Structure formats: C-alpha cells, structure tokens
Protein backbone atom coordinates (compact mmCIF):
# COMPACT_ATOMS: atom_id res chain seq x y z
CA MET A 1 0.00 0.00 0.00
CA ALA A 2 1.27 3.49 -0.87
CA ALA A 3 1.92 6.24 1.67
CA PRO A 4 -1.40 7.82 2.63
CA GLU A 5 -2.61 11.00 1.03
CA PHE A 6 -3.10 14.13 3.19
CA ASP A 7 -0.39 13.09 5.67
CA GLY A 8 -2.76 10.39 6.94
CA LYS A 9 -5.59 12.73 7.92
CA CYS A 10 -9.17 11.52 7.52
CA ALA A 11 -10.02 12.12 3.86
CA PHE A 12 -13.75 12.40 4.53
CA ALA A 13 -13.27 15.05 7.23
CA LEU A 14 -11.01 16.92 4.84
CA SER A 15 -13.72 16.84 2.17
CA LEU A 16 -16.00 18.69 4.61
CA GLY A 17 -13.70 21.25 6.21
CA PRO A 18 -10.22 22.68 6.64
CA ALA A 19 -7.17 20.45 7.01
CA SER A 20 -6.45 21.93 10.43
CA LYS A 21 -9.66 20.37 11.79
CA ALA A 22 -9.39 16.96 10.11
CA PRO A 23 -8.55 14.18 12.59
CA ALA A 24 -5.91 11.56 11.96
CA GLY A 25 -7.03 8.62 9.90
CA LYS A 26 -6.50 5.00 10.87
CA PRO A 27 -4.66 2.47 8.68
CA GLU A 28 -7.33 -0.15 9.41
CA HIS A 29 -9.84 2.11 7.62
CA ALA A 30 -7.77 2.68 4.48
CA LEU A 31 -9.10 2.78 0.94
CA GLU A 32 -7.07 2.66 -2.25
CA ILE A 33 -8.37 4.54 -5.29
CA ASP A 34 -6.39 4.96 -8.52
CA GLY A 35 -3.14 3.98 -6.81
CA LYS A 36 -3.59 6.47 -3.95
CA THR A 37 -4.25 5.44 -0.35
CA TYR A 38 -6.71 7.39 1.78
CA TYR A 39 -7.15 6.98 5.53
CA PHE A 40 -10.40 7.49 7.43
CA SER A 41 -11.19 7.87 11.11
CA GLY A 42 -13.75 5.04 10.95
CA ALA A 43 -15.96 2.83 8.80
CA VAL A 44 -18.77 5.38 8.43
CA PRO A 45 -16.57 8.21 7.09
CA LYS A 46 -14.99 5.71 4.68
CA PHE A 47 -18.43 4.64 3.44
CA LEU A 48 -19.66 8.23 3.06
CA PHE A 49 -16.50 9.25 1.17
CA ARG A 50 -17.31 6.61 -1.43
CA LEU A 51 -21.04 7.39 -1.43
CA ILE A 52 -21.02 11.19 -1.78
CA PRO A 53 -20.03 12.37 -5.26
CA GLY A 54 -17.05 14.73 -5.44
CA SER A 55 -15.62 13.87 -2.01
CA ARG A 56 -12.15 13.11 -3.33
CA GLU A 57 -12.01 16.29 -5.41
CA ARG A 58 -13.13 18.44 -2.45
CA ALA A 59 -10.55 16.82 -0.17
CA ASP A 60 -7.82 17.44 -2.77
CA ARG A 61 -8.83 21.11 -3.10
CA ARG A 62 -8.92 21.70 0.64
CA TRP A 63 -5.57 20.00 1.16
CA THR A 64 -3.98 22.09 -1.59
CA ALA A 65 -5.50 25.29 -0.15
CA GLY A 66 -3.97 24.48 3.24
C-alpha cells in the first residue's frame, strides 16, 4: 500500500472542512483509489467518502488550499 494522502488525515473530514480540523485517519480504515491510499477515522466516514459524489475532489482542493 502506498503512503497515505493528506499526511494520513481523515479524507472524509477533509472533504468537509479545513485540514487543520481533520482528525488523523487509521490504517485499518484505508481505501485505495487509482493507486492512492486514503485513511479514514472510521468505517462510516470511509463509506460516506465513497457514497457522496465529489468527495475526493473536495478533499484534494482543501488540502492544496492548506
């Protein structure tokens, strides 16, 4: 598995708000998409990240914005 995106922060939380408020993700709740590994703080955030359209793009934008 590749190094996690977003320094291991919860990708779903990052899709909803600023990086400074995103909690750390847990390796046991990892998801690999297109060769990138995303961590989540739990099973529900992982499920919602996959369910809600545009989550990955929003997380990428917020991470880039700082």
